[in-house]
């Protein structure tokens, strides 16, 4: 669900062509048009969904709205 939440939301960010989240590494790979967006804008978008993005901290209100399966520690037993 986390993967779907992030990838679907990123599709609405202006300039983002595609995004893929690797749940094992927790790395989001984003292809984007540099004339329409930037890494900083993408990171900010991720924080507004409720996730940390590199050094930027997530929006606490958005985090609280995430399903329990998408919160910290939810995937620790998945390996």
N, C-alpha and C. Protein backbone atom coordinates (compact mmCIF):
# COMPACT_ATOMS: atom_id res chain seq x y z
N UNK A 1 0.82 -1.18 0.00
CA UNK A 1 0.00 0.00 0.00
C UNK A 1 0.87 1.26 0.00
N UNK A 2 1.98 1.24 0.72
CA UNK A 2 2.87 2.41 0.77
C UNK A 2 3.40 2.74 -0.62
N UNK A 3 3.81 1.69 -1.31
CA UNK A 3 4.34 1.86 -2.67
C UNK A 3 3.31 2.52 -3.57
N UNK A 4 2.10 2.04 -3.52
CA UNK A 4 1.02 2.58 -4.35
C UNK A 4 0.73 4.03 -3.96
N UNK A 5 0.67 4.31 -2.66
CA UNK A 5 0.39 5.66 -2.17
C UNK A 5 1.41 6.65 -2.72
N UNK A 6 2.67 6.34 -2.60
CA UNK A 6 3.72 7.25 -3.05
C UNK A 6 3.74 7.37 -4.56
N UNK A 7 3.74 6.25 -5.26
CA UNK A 7 3.84 6.29 -6.72
C UNK A 7 2.64 6.99 -7.34
N UNK A 8 1.44 6.75 -6.82
CA UNK A 8 0.26 7.43 -7.37
C UNK A 8 0.30 8.92 -7.09
N UNK A 9 0.70 9.31 -5.90
CA UNK A 9 0.77 10.74 -5.58
C UNK A 9 1.82 11.44 -6.41
N UNK A 10 2.95 10.81 -6.64
CA UNK A 10 4.01 11.42 -7.43
C UNK A 10 3.57 11.66 -8.87
N UNK A 11 2.63 10.88 -9.36
CA UNK A 11 2.13 11.06 -10.72
C UNK A 11 1.45 12.42 -10.88
N UNK A 12 1.01 13.03 -9.77
CA UNK A 12 0.35 14.32 -9.83
C UNK A 12 1.31 15.50 -9.68
N UNK A 13 2.57 15.21 -9.38
CA UNK A 13 3.57 16.28 -9.28
C UNK A 13 3.95 16.73 -10.69
N UNK A 14 3.79 18.01 -10.95
CA UNK A 14 4.10 18.56 -12.27
C UNK A 14 5.54 18.23 -12.64
N UNK A 15 5.73 17.68 -13.82
CA UNK A 15 7.06 17.37 -14.33
C UNK A 15 7.54 15.96 -14.05
N UNK A 16 6.88 15.23 -13.16
CA UNK A 16 7.29 13.86 -12.87
C UNK A 16 6.79 12.95 -13.97
N UNK A 17 7.71 12.22 -14.56
CA UNK A 17 7.37 11.30 -15.65
C UNK A 17 7.04 9.91 -15.11
N UNK A 18 7.81 9.46 -14.11
CA UNK A 18 7.57 8.16 -13.49
C UNK A 18 8.27 8.11 -12.14
N UNK A 19 7.80 7.19 -11.30
CA UNK A 19 8.46 6.97 -10.02
C UNK A 19 8.28 5.50 -9.63
N UNK A 20 9.32 4.97 -8.99
CA UNK A 20 9.29 3.58 -8.55
C UNK A 20 9.91 3.52 -7.16
N UNK A 21 9.16 2.96 -6.23
CA UNK A 21 9.65 2.79 -4.86
C UNK A 21 10.10 1.36 -4.65
N UNK A 22 11.33 1.19 -4.20
CA UNK A 22 11.85 -0.12 -3.84
C UNK A 22 11.64 -0.26 -2.33
N UNK A 23 10.72 -1.13 -1.93
CA UNK A 23 10.40 -1.28 -0.51
C UNK A 23 11.55 -1.86 0.30
N UNK A 24 12.39 -2.67 -0.31
CA UNK A 24 13.52 -3.26 0.41
C UNK A 24 14.56 -2.21 0.79
N UNK A 25 14.88 -1.33 -0.14
CA UNK A 25 15.90 -0.31 0.10
C UNK A 25 15.31 1.01 0.57
N UNK A 26 13.99 1.16 0.42
CA UNK A 26 13.30 2.40 0.74
C UNK A 26 13.82 3.57 -0.09
N UNK A 27 14.15 3.27 -1.35
CA UNK A 27 14.64 4.28 -2.27
C UNK A 27 13.58 4.53 -3.33
N UNK A 28 13.24 5.80 -3.51
CA UNK A 28 12.30 6.20 -4.55
C UNK A 28 13.09 6.73 -5.72
N UNK A 29 12.91 6.14 -6.88
CA UNK A 29 13.56 6.59 -8.10
C UNK A 29 12.53 7.36 -8.91
N UNK A 30 12.89 8.60 -9.27
CA UNK A 30 11.96 9.48 -9.97
C UNK A 30 12.58 9.98 -11.26
N UNK A 31 11.87 9.80 -12.37
CA UNK A 31 12.25 10.41 -13.64
C UNK A 31 11.40 11.66 -13.79
N UNK A 32 12.05 12.79 -14.06
CA UNK A 32 11.31 14.04 -14.11
C UNK A 32 11.91 15.00 -15.13
N UNK A 33 11.11 15.98 -15.51
CA UNK A 33 11.53 17.04 -16.41
C UNK A 33 12.09 18.16 -15.56
N UNK A 34 13.38 18.43 -15.66
CA UNK A 34 14.05 19.43 -14.83
C UNK A 34 13.56 20.86 -15.11
N UNK A 35 12.88 21.06 -16.22
CA UNK A 35 12.33 22.39 -16.51
C UNK A 35 11.03 22.64 -15.76
N UNK A 36 10.40 21.57 -15.26
CA UNK A 36 9.10 21.70 -14.60
C UNK A 36 9.13 21.44 -13.11
N UNK A 37 10.14 20.74 -12.62
CA UNK A 37 10.24 20.44 -11.18
C UNK A 37 11.70 20.27 -10.80
N UNK A 38 11.93 20.01 -9.54
CA UNK A 38 13.30 19.86 -9.06
C UNK A 38 13.32 18.81 -7.94
N UNK A 39 14.52 18.33 -7.60
CA UNK A 39 14.59 17.38 -6.49
C UNK A 39 14.01 17.95 -5.19
N UNK A 40 14.21 19.23 -4.93
CA UNK A 40 13.65 19.84 -3.71
C UNK A 40 12.12 19.83 -3.72
N UNK A 41 11.53 20.12 -4.85
CA UNK A 41 10.06 20.09 -4.95
C UNK A 41 9.53 18.67 -4.76
N UNK A 42 10.26 17.71 -5.32
CA UNK A 42 9.86 16.31 -5.19
C UNK A 42 9.96 15.87 -3.72
N UNK A 43 11.05 16.24 -3.06
CA UNK A 43 11.20 15.90 -1.65
C UNK A 43 10.08 16.53 -0.82
N UNK A 44 9.76 17.77 -1.10
CA UNK A 44 8.68 18.45 -0.37
C UNK A 44 7.36 17.73 -0.58
N UNK A 45 7.10 17.30 -1.79
CA UNK A 45 5.86 16.57 -2.09
C UNK A 45 5.79 15.29 -1.25
N UNK A 46 6.91 14.59 -1.14
CA UNK A 46 6.95 13.34 -0.37
C UNK A 46 6.64 13.61 1.10
N UNK A 47 7.17 14.71 1.64
CA UNK A 47 6.90 15.04 3.05
C UNK A 47 5.43 15.35 3.26
N UNK A 48 4.78 15.92 2.25
CA UNK A 48 3.36 16.27 2.37
C UNK A 48 2.46 15.04 2.28
N UNK A 49 3.02 13.93 1.78
CA UNK A 49 2.29 12.66 1.76
C UNK A 49 2.36 12.01 3.14
N UNK A 50 3.44 12.33 3.88
CA UNK A 50 3.60 11.76 5.22
C UNK A 50 4.87 10.98 5.43
N UNK A 51 5.82 11.12 4.51
CA UNK A 51 7.07 10.38 4.59
C UNK A 51 8.26 11.32 4.71
N UNK A 52 9.35 10.84 5.31
CA UNK A 52 10.60 11.59 5.31
C UNK A 52 11.21 11.51 3.92
N UNK A 53 11.91 12.57 3.53
CA UNK A 53 12.57 12.60 2.23
C UNK A 53 13.98 13.15 2.42
N UNK A 54 14.93 12.24 2.47
CA UNK A 54 16.31 12.61 2.77
C UNK A 54 16.35 13.37 4.08
N UNK A 55 16.83 14.60 4.10
CA UNK A 55 16.94 15.35 5.36
C UNK A 55 15.64 16.07 5.74
N UNK A 56 14.66 16.08 4.85
CA UNK A 56 13.38 16.74 5.15
C UNK A 56 12.48 15.80 5.95
N UNK A 57 11.89 16.32 7.01
CA UNK A 57 11.02 15.52 7.86
C UNK A 57 9.58 15.57 7.35
N UNK A 58 8.89 14.48 7.53
CA UNK A 58 7.50 14.34 7.07
C UNK A 58 6.57 15.31 7.80
N UNK A 59 5.46 15.60 7.16
CA UNK A 59 4.40 16.40 7.77
C UNK A 59 3.69 15.50 8.78
N UNK A 60 3.69 15.88 10.07
CA UNK A 60 3.09 15.01 11.10
C UNK A 60 1.60 14.74 10.88
N UNK A 61 0.86 15.71 10.38
CA UNK A 61 -0.57 15.51 10.14
C UNK A 61 -0.79 14.51 9.00
N UNK A 62 0.02 14.60 7.96
CA UNK A 62 -0.10 13.67 6.84
C UNK A 62 0.29 12.26 7.29
N UNK A 63 1.32 12.17 8.13
CA UNK A 63 1.75 10.87 8.64
C UNK A 63 0.63 10.19 9.43
N UNK A 64 -0.06 10.93 10.24
CA UNK A 64 -1.15 10.37 11.05
C UNK A 64 -2.28 9.82 10.18
N UNK A 65 -2.45 10.36 8.99
CA UNK A 65 -3.51 9.91 8.08
C UNK A 65 -3.14 8.66 7.30
N UNK A 66 -1.85 8.28 7.32
CA UNK A 66 -1.43 7.08 6.60
C UNK A 66 -2.01 5.83 7.25
N UNK A 67 -2.28 4.80 6.46
CA UNK A 67 -2.73 3.53 7.04
C UNK A 67 -1.63 2.97 7.95
N UNK A 68 -2.00 2.19 8.93
CA UNK A 68 -1.04 1.62 9.89
C UNK A 68 0.07 0.85 9.18
N UNK A 69 -0.25 0.21 8.08
CA UNK A 69 0.75 -0.59 7.36
C UNK A 69 1.83 0.28 6.72
N UNK A 70 1.60 1.58 6.62
CA UNK A 70 2.57 2.48 5.99
C UNK A 70 3.37 3.29 7.00
N UNK A 71 3.19 2.99 8.28
CA UNK A 71 3.90 3.76 9.31
C UNK A 71 5.18 3.04 9.73
N UNK A 72 6.04 3.76 10.44
CA UNK A 72 7.34 3.24 10.87
C UNK A 72 7.22 1.85 11.51
N UNK A 73 8.10 0.94 11.08
CA UNK A 73 8.15 -0.38 11.67
C UNK A 73 7.15 -1.38 11.11
N UNK A 74 6.25 -0.95 10.28
CA UNK A 74 5.20 -1.85 9.78
C UNK A 74 5.75 -2.96 8.90
N UNK A 75 6.86 -2.74 8.24
CA UNK A 75 7.39 -3.75 7.30
C UNK A 75 8.59 -4.50 7.85
N UNK A 76 8.89 -4.38 9.11
CA UNK A 76 10.06 -5.04 9.66
C UNK A 76 9.99 -6.55 9.58
N UNK A 77 8.82 -7.13 9.65
CA UNK A 77 8.68 -8.58 9.62
C UNK A 77 8.48 -9.11 8.21
N UNK A 78 8.50 -8.24 7.20
CA UNK A 78 8.25 -8.66 5.83
C UNK A 78 9.43 -9.39 5.19
N UNK A 79 10.62 -9.35 5.81
CA UNK A 79 11.80 -9.94 5.17
C UNK A 79 11.96 -11.38 5.55
